[in-house]
């Protein structure tokens, strides 16, 4: 695992996605699918960043967010009726939201970098 990946991150992703799925009355497996797909998107983005020569943990706007949001949508397409507009909305909200939250966490010293 890379230095910015951890077992705690895997556990937290699985737990959060399963709980979110339960809150939305989705099948248990939906949370697992979403979590695994999001982690695969994150790993894929990291792989691409390394091939492009982008340093570990360096920001790559959109590349850092889109695969992590798009793969869960694709994984859940049989459980949730996403339209093209839904996909664009989710990708936009996830990208903007993640950047805003990261900036907030950095501002208050809870995250080392503002991205």
N, C-alpha and C. Protein backbone atom coordinates (compact mmCIF):
# COMPACT_ATOMS: atom_id res chain seq x y z
N UNK A 1 0.84 -1.18 0.00
CA UNK A 1 0.00 0.00 0.00
C UNK A 1 0.88 1.24 0.00
N UNK A 2 0.44 2.29 -0.69
CA UNK A 2 1.20 3.53 -0.72
C UNK A 2 1.20 4.22 0.63
N UNK A 3 2.09 5.22 0.75
CA UNK A 3 2.22 5.88 2.04
C UNK A 3 0.99 6.71 2.41
N UNK A 4 0.15 7.06 1.45
CA UNK A 4 -1.05 7.81 1.79
C UNK A 4 -2.29 6.91 1.84
N UNK A 5 -2.08 5.61 1.78
CA UNK A 5 -3.17 4.63 1.91
C UNK A 5 -2.97 3.88 3.22
N UNK A 6 -4.07 3.46 3.85
CA UNK A 6 -3.92 2.76 5.13
C UNK A 6 -5.04 1.74 5.32
N UNK A 7 -4.79 0.81 6.22
CA UNK A 7 -5.83 -0.16 6.60
C UNK A 7 -6.98 0.55 7.28
N UNK A 8 -6.67 1.59 8.06
CA UNK A 8 -7.74 2.36 8.72
C UNK A 8 -8.64 3.02 7.68
N UNK A 9 -8.03 3.49 6.59
CA UNK A 9 -8.82 4.09 5.52
C UNK A 9 -9.76 3.10 4.87
N UNK A 10 -9.28 1.88 4.67
CA UNK A 10 -10.12 0.83 4.09
C UNK A 10 -11.29 0.53 5.03
N UNK A 11 -10.99 0.37 6.30
CA UNK A 11 -12.03 0.08 7.30
C UNK A 11 -13.05 1.21 7.36
N UNK A 12 -12.57 2.45 7.40
CA UNK A 12 -13.48 3.60 7.49
C UNK A 12 -14.35 3.72 6.24
N UNK A 13 -13.77 3.46 5.08
CA UNK A 13 -14.53 3.51 3.83
C UNK A 13 -15.65 2.47 3.83
N UNK A 14 -15.30 1.24 4.18
CA UNK A 14 -16.31 0.18 4.23
C UNK A 14 -17.41 0.51 5.23
N UNK A 15 -17.01 0.93 6.42
CA UNK A 15 -18.00 1.24 7.47
C UNK A 15 -18.91 2.38 7.05
N UNK A 16 -18.33 3.47 6.56
CA UNK A 16 -19.13 4.64 6.18
C UNK A 16 -20.09 4.32 5.04
N UNK A 17 -19.60 3.59 4.04
CA UNK A 17 -20.47 3.26 2.90
C UNK A 17 -21.58 2.30 3.29
N UNK A 18 -21.28 1.34 4.12
CA UNK A 18 -22.32 0.40 4.56
C UNK A 18 -23.37 1.14 5.38
N UNK A 19 -22.93 2.00 6.30
CA UNK A 19 -23.89 2.77 7.11
C UNK A 19 -24.72 3.72 6.25
N UNK A 20 -24.08 4.38 5.28
CA UNK A 20 -24.82 5.29 4.39
C UNK A 20 -25.85 4.50 3.59
N UNK A 21 -25.46 3.34 3.09
CA UNK A 21 -26.40 2.51 2.36
C UNK A 21 -27.58 2.09 3.21
N UNK A 22 -27.31 1.73 4.46
CA UNK A 22 -28.39 1.34 5.38
C UNK A 22 -29.33 2.52 5.64
N UNK A 23 -28.76 3.73 5.81
CA UNK A 23 -29.58 4.92 6.03
C UNK A 23 -30.46 5.23 4.82
N UNK A 24 -30.00 4.86 3.64
CA UNK A 24 -30.76 5.08 2.41
C UNK A 24 -31.62 3.88 2.04
N UNK A 25 -31.71 2.91 2.96
CA UNK A 25 -32.50 1.69 2.76
C UNK A 25 -32.05 0.88 1.54
N UNK A 26 -30.76 0.89 1.29
CA UNK A 26 -30.21 0.09 0.19
C UNK A 26 -29.76 -1.26 0.74
N UNK A 27 -29.64 -2.25 -0.11
CA UNK A 27 -29.14 -3.54 0.34
C UNK A 27 -27.73 -3.41 0.91
N UNK A 28 -27.39 -4.28 1.84
CA UNK A 28 -26.08 -4.28 2.49
C UNK A 28 -24.95 -4.28 1.46
N UNK A 29 -25.13 -5.07 0.41
CA UNK A 29 -24.08 -5.19 -0.60
C UNK A 29 -23.83 -3.87 -1.33
N UNK A 30 -24.80 -2.97 -1.36
CA UNK A 30 -24.62 -1.68 -2.04
C UNK A 30 -23.51 -0.88 -1.37
N UNK A 31 -23.46 -0.89 -0.06
CA UNK A 31 -22.40 -0.19 0.66
C UNK A 31 -21.04 -0.79 0.37
N UNK A 32 -20.98 -2.10 0.29
CA UNK A 32 -19.72 -2.77 -0.02
C UNK A 32 -19.29 -2.43 -1.45
N UNK A 33 -20.22 -2.51 -2.40
CA UNK A 33 -19.90 -2.18 -3.79
C UNK A 33 -19.39 -0.75 -3.90
N UNK A 34 -20.10 0.18 -3.26
CA UNK A 34 -19.71 1.60 -3.34
C UNK A 34 -18.33 1.82 -2.75
N UNK A 35 -18.07 1.21 -1.61
CA UNK A 35 -16.77 1.38 -0.95
C UNK A 35 -15.63 0.82 -1.79
N UNK A 36 -15.79 -0.40 -2.26
CA UNK A 36 -14.74 -1.03 -3.05
C UNK A 36 -14.52 -0.25 -4.35
N UNK A 37 -15.59 0.18 -4.98
CA UNK A 37 -15.47 0.94 -6.22
C UNK A 37 -14.76 2.28 -5.98
N UNK A 38 -15.10 2.96 -4.88
CA UNK A 38 -14.44 4.23 -4.57
C UNK A 38 -12.95 4.02 -4.32
N UNK A 39 -12.62 2.97 -3.58
CA UNK A 39 -11.20 2.69 -3.32
C UNK A 39 -10.47 2.32 -4.61
N UNK A 40 -11.12 1.59 -5.50
CA UNK A 40 -10.50 1.25 -6.78
C UNK A 40 -10.29 2.53 -7.61
N UNK A 41 -11.24 3.45 -7.56
CA UNK A 41 -11.08 4.72 -8.26
C UNK A 41 -9.91 5.51 -7.71
N UNK A 42 -9.76 5.51 -6.39
CA UNK A 42 -8.64 6.21 -5.76
C UNK A 42 -7.31 5.57 -6.14
N UNK A 43 -7.25 4.25 -6.12
CA UNK A 43 -6.02 3.55 -6.51
C UNK A 43 -5.70 3.78 -7.99
N UNK A 44 -6.73 3.77 -8.82
CA UNK A 44 -6.53 4.03 -10.25
C UNK A 44 -6.00 5.43 -10.50
N UNK A 45 -6.55 6.41 -9.79
CA UNK A 45 -6.08 7.79 -9.92
C UNK A 45 -4.62 7.89 -9.47
N UNK A 46 -4.29 7.23 -8.38
CA UNK A 46 -2.90 7.24 -7.90
C UNK A 46 -1.96 6.61 -8.92
N UNK A 47 -2.40 5.53 -9.54
CA UNK A 47 -1.60 4.86 -10.57
C UNK A 47 -1.33 5.81 -11.74
N UNK A 48 -2.38 6.49 -12.20
CA UNK A 48 -2.24 7.43 -13.31
C UNK A 48 -1.32 8.59 -12.92
N UNK A 49 -1.49 9.11 -11.71
CA UNK A 49 -0.64 10.21 -11.25
C UNK A 49 0.83 9.80 -11.24
N UNK A 50 1.15 8.59 -10.79
CA UNK A 50 2.54 8.14 -10.79
C UNK A 50 3.08 8.08 -12.21
N UNK A 51 2.25 7.59 -13.16
CA UNK A 51 2.69 7.48 -14.55
C UNK A 51 2.89 8.86 -15.18
N UNK A 52 2.18 9.85 -14.68
CA UNK A 52 2.33 11.22 -15.19
C UNK A 52 3.44 11.98 -14.47
N UNK A 53 4.06 11.33 -13.49
CA UNK A 53 5.15 11.96 -12.76
C UNK A 53 4.70 12.91 -11.67
N UNK A 54 3.46 12.82 -11.26
CA UNK A 54 2.94 13.66 -10.18
C UNK A 54 3.34 13.03 -8.86
N UNK A 55 3.90 13.82 -7.96
CA UNK A 55 4.41 13.32 -6.69
C UNK A 55 3.30 12.73 -5.82
N UNK A 56 3.70 11.82 -4.94
CA UNK A 56 2.77 11.20 -3.98
C UNK A 56 2.11 12.30 -3.16
N UNK A 57 0.81 12.24 -3.03
CA UNK A 57 -0.02 13.18 -2.28
C UNK A 57 -0.07 14.59 -2.87
N UNK A 58 0.50 14.79 -4.06
CA UNK A 58 0.39 16.08 -4.73
C UNK A 58 -1.01 16.20 -5.33
N UNK A 59 -1.56 17.40 -5.37
CA UNK A 59 -2.91 17.55 -5.91
C UNK A 59 -2.97 17.35 -7.42
N UNK A 60 -4.05 16.79 -7.87
CA UNK A 60 -4.37 16.67 -9.30
C UNK A 60 -5.88 16.87 -9.39
N UNK A 61 -6.32 18.14 -9.36
CA UNK A 61 -7.76 18.42 -9.37
C UNK A 61 -8.48 17.64 -10.47
N UNK A 62 -9.62 17.16 -10.14
CA UNK A 62 -10.49 16.33 -10.97
C UNK A 62 -9.98 14.89 -11.01
N UNK A 63 -8.71 14.66 -11.32
CA UNK A 63 -8.19 13.29 -11.33
C UNK A 63 -8.27 12.68 -9.94
N UNK A 64 -8.12 13.49 -8.91
CA UNK A 64 -8.21 12.99 -7.54
C UNK A 64 -9.65 12.67 -7.14
N UNK A 65 -10.63 13.28 -7.78
CA UNK A 65 -12.02 13.12 -7.36
C UNK A 65 -12.88 12.28 -8.30
N UNK A 66 -12.75 12.49 -9.61
CA UNK A 66 -13.71 11.88 -10.54
C UNK A 66 -13.72 10.35 -10.50
N UNK A 67 -12.57 9.66 -10.57
CA UNK A 67 -12.66 8.19 -10.51
C UNK A 67 -13.28 7.68 -9.21
N UNK A 68 -12.99 8.38 -8.11
CA UNK A 68 -13.49 7.96 -6.80
C UNK A 68 -15.01 8.13 -6.69
N UNK A 69 -15.57 9.03 -7.48
CA UNK A 69 -17.02 9.23 -7.49
C UNK A 69 -17.70 8.45 -8.62
N UNK A 70 -17.05 8.36 -9.77
CA UNK A 70 -17.66 7.72 -10.93
C UNK A 70 -17.76 6.20 -10.79
N UNK A 71 -16.73 5.55 -10.28
CA UNK A 71 -16.77 4.08 -10.18
C UNK A 71 -17.89 3.58 -9.25
N UNK A 72 -18.17 4.22 -8.10
CA UNK A 72 -19.32 3.77 -7.31
C UNK A 72 -20.65 3.94 -8.05
N UNK A 73 -20.78 5.02 -8.83
CA UNK A 73 -22.00 5.20 -9.62
C UNK A 73 -22.17 4.04 -10.58
N UNK A 74 -21.09 3.68 -11.25
CA UNK A 74 -21.16 2.56 -12.19
C UNK A 74 -21.43 1.24 -11.47
N UNK A 75 -20.84 1.07 -10.29
CA UNK A 75 -21.05 -0.17 -9.52
C UNK A 75 -22.49 -0.30 -9.04
N UNK A 76 -23.16 0.83 -8.82
CA UNK A 76 -24.53 0.81 -8.28
C UNK A 76 -25.59 1.04 -9.34
N UNK A 77 -25.20 1.05 -10.62
CA UNK A 77 -26.15 1.39 -11.67
C UNK A 77 -27.34 0.44 -11.75
N UNK A 78 -27.19 -0.80 -11.30
CA UNK A 78 -28.31 -1.74 -11.32
C UNK A 78 -29.21 -1.60 -10.10
N UNK A 79 -28.73 -0.93 -9.06
CA UNK A 79 -29.52 -0.73 -7.85
C UNK A 79 -30.19 0.64 -7.80
N UNK A 80 -29.59 1.61 -8.47
CA UNK A 80 -30.10 2.99 -8.46
C UNK A 80 -30.26 3.48 -9.90
N UNK A 81 -31.39 4.08 -10.22
CA UNK A 81 -31.63 4.52 -11.60
C UNK A 81 -31.00 5.88 -11.90
N UNK A 82 -29.69 5.94 -12.07
CA UNK A 82 -28.99 7.19 -12.37
C UNK A 82 -29.25 7.62 -13.81
N UNK A 83 -29.59 8.90 -13.98
CA UNK A 83 -29.64 9.48 -15.32
C UNK A 83 -28.29 10.14 -15.60
N UNK A 84 -28.07 10.56 -16.83
CA UNK A 84 -26.83 11.25 -17.16
C UNK A 84 -26.70 12.52 -16.32
N UNK A 85 -27.81 13.23 -16.13
CA UNK A 85 -27.80 14.45 -15.31
C UNK A 85 -27.42 14.13 -13.86
N UNK A 86 -27.91 13.01 -13.35
CA UNK A 86 -27.56 12.59 -11.98
C UNK A 86 -26.05 12.36 -11.87
N UNK A 87 -25.48 11.71 -12.86
CA UNK A 87 -24.05 11.41 -12.85
C UNK A 87 -23.24 12.71 -12.85
N UNK A 88 -23.61 13.64 -13.71
CA UNK A 88 -22.91 14.93 -13.78
C UNK A 88 -23.06 15.67 -12.45
N UNK A 89 -24.25 15.66 -11.87
CA UNK A 89 -24.49 16.34 -10.59
C UNK A 89 -23.65 15.72 -9.47
N UNK A 90 -23.64 14.40 -9.38
CA UNK A 90 -22.85 13.72 -8.34
C UNK A 90 -21.36 14.01 -8.51
N UNK A 91 -20.86 13.92 -9.72
CA UNK A 91 -19.44 14.19 -9.97
C UNK A 91 -19.08 15.63 -9.60
N UNK A 92 -19.95 16.57 -9.96
CA UNK A 92 -19.69 17.98 -9.65
C UNK A 92 -19.73 18.22 -8.15
N UNK A 93 -20.77 17.73 -7.48
CA UNK A 93 -20.90 17.94 -6.03
C UNK A 93 -19.76 17.26 -5.27
N UNK A 94 -19.39 16.07 -5.69
CA UNK A 94 -18.31 15.36 -5.01
C UNK A 94 -16.99 16.11 -5.17
N UNK A 95 -16.70 16.55 -6.40
CA UNK A 95 -15.43 17.24 -6.66
C UNK A 95 -15.35 18.56 -5.89
N UNK A 96 -16.38 19.37 -6.00
CA UNK A 96 -16.39 20.67 -5.32
C UNK A 96 -16.43 20.46 -3.80
N UNK A 97 -17.26 19.54 -3.36
CA UNK A 97 -17.38 19.28 -1.92
C UNK A 97 -16.10 18.77 -1.30
N UNK A 98 -15.43 17.85 -1.99
CA UNK A 98 -14.18 17.31 -1.46
C UNK A 98 -13.11 18.39 -1.35
N UNK A 99 -13.05 19.25 -2.36
CA UNK A 99 -12.06 20.34 -2.33
C UNK A 99 -12.38 21.33 -1.21
N UNK A 100 -13.66 21.62 -1.02
CA UNK A 100 -14.06 22.55 0.04
C UNK A 100 -13.78 21.97 1.43
N UNK A 101 -14.09 20.71 1.62
CA UNK A 101 -13.85 20.06 2.91
C UNK A 101 -12.35 20.00 3.20
N UNK A 102 -11.55 19.67 2.19
CA UNK A 102 -10.09 19.60 2.38
C UNK A 102 -9.55 20.97 2.77
N UNK A 103 -10.04 22.01 2.13
CA UNK A 103 -9.60 23.37 2.48
C UNK A 103 -9.98 23.74 3.90
N UNK A 104 -11.18 23.36 4.30
CA UNK A 104 -11.65 23.62 5.66
C UNK A 104 -10.78 22.88 6.68
N UNK A 105 -10.51 21.62 6.43
CA UNK A 105 -9.69 20.83 7.34
C UNK A 105 -8.28 21.40 7.45
N UNK A 106 -7.74 21.86 6.34
CA UNK A 106 -6.40 22.47 6.35
C UNK A 106 -6.42 23.77 7.15
N UNK A 107 -7.43 24.56 6.94
CA UNK A 107 -7.53 25.86 7.62
C UNK A 107 -7.50 25.72 9.13
N UNK A 108 -8.10 24.66 9.64
CA UNK A 108 -8.15 24.45 11.08
C UNK A 108 -7.07 23.49 11.58
N UNK A 109 -6.11 23.18 10.72
CA UNK A 109 -4.97 22.38 11.12
C UNK A 109 -5.23 20.89 11.25
N UNK A 110 -6.33 20.41 10.69
CA UNK A 110 -6.65 18.99 10.78
C UNK A 110 -6.13 18.20 9.59
N UNK A 111 -5.62 18.94 8.60
CA UNK A 111 -5.05 18.30 7.41
C UNK A 111 -3.82 19.10 7.03
N UNK A 112 -2.77 18.40 6.66
CA UNK A 112 -1.49 19.05 6.38
C UNK A 112 -1.52 19.92 5.13
N UNK A 113 -2.20 19.44 4.08
CA UNK A 113 -2.24 20.16 2.81
C UNK A 113 -3.67 20.60 2.48
N UNK A 114 -3.81 21.74 1.78
CA UNK A 114 -5.15 22.24 1.47
C UNK A 114 -5.76 21.63 0.22
N UNK A 115 -5.58 20.34 0.01
CA UNK A 115 -6.16 19.68 -1.16
C UNK A 115 -6.54 18.27 -0.83
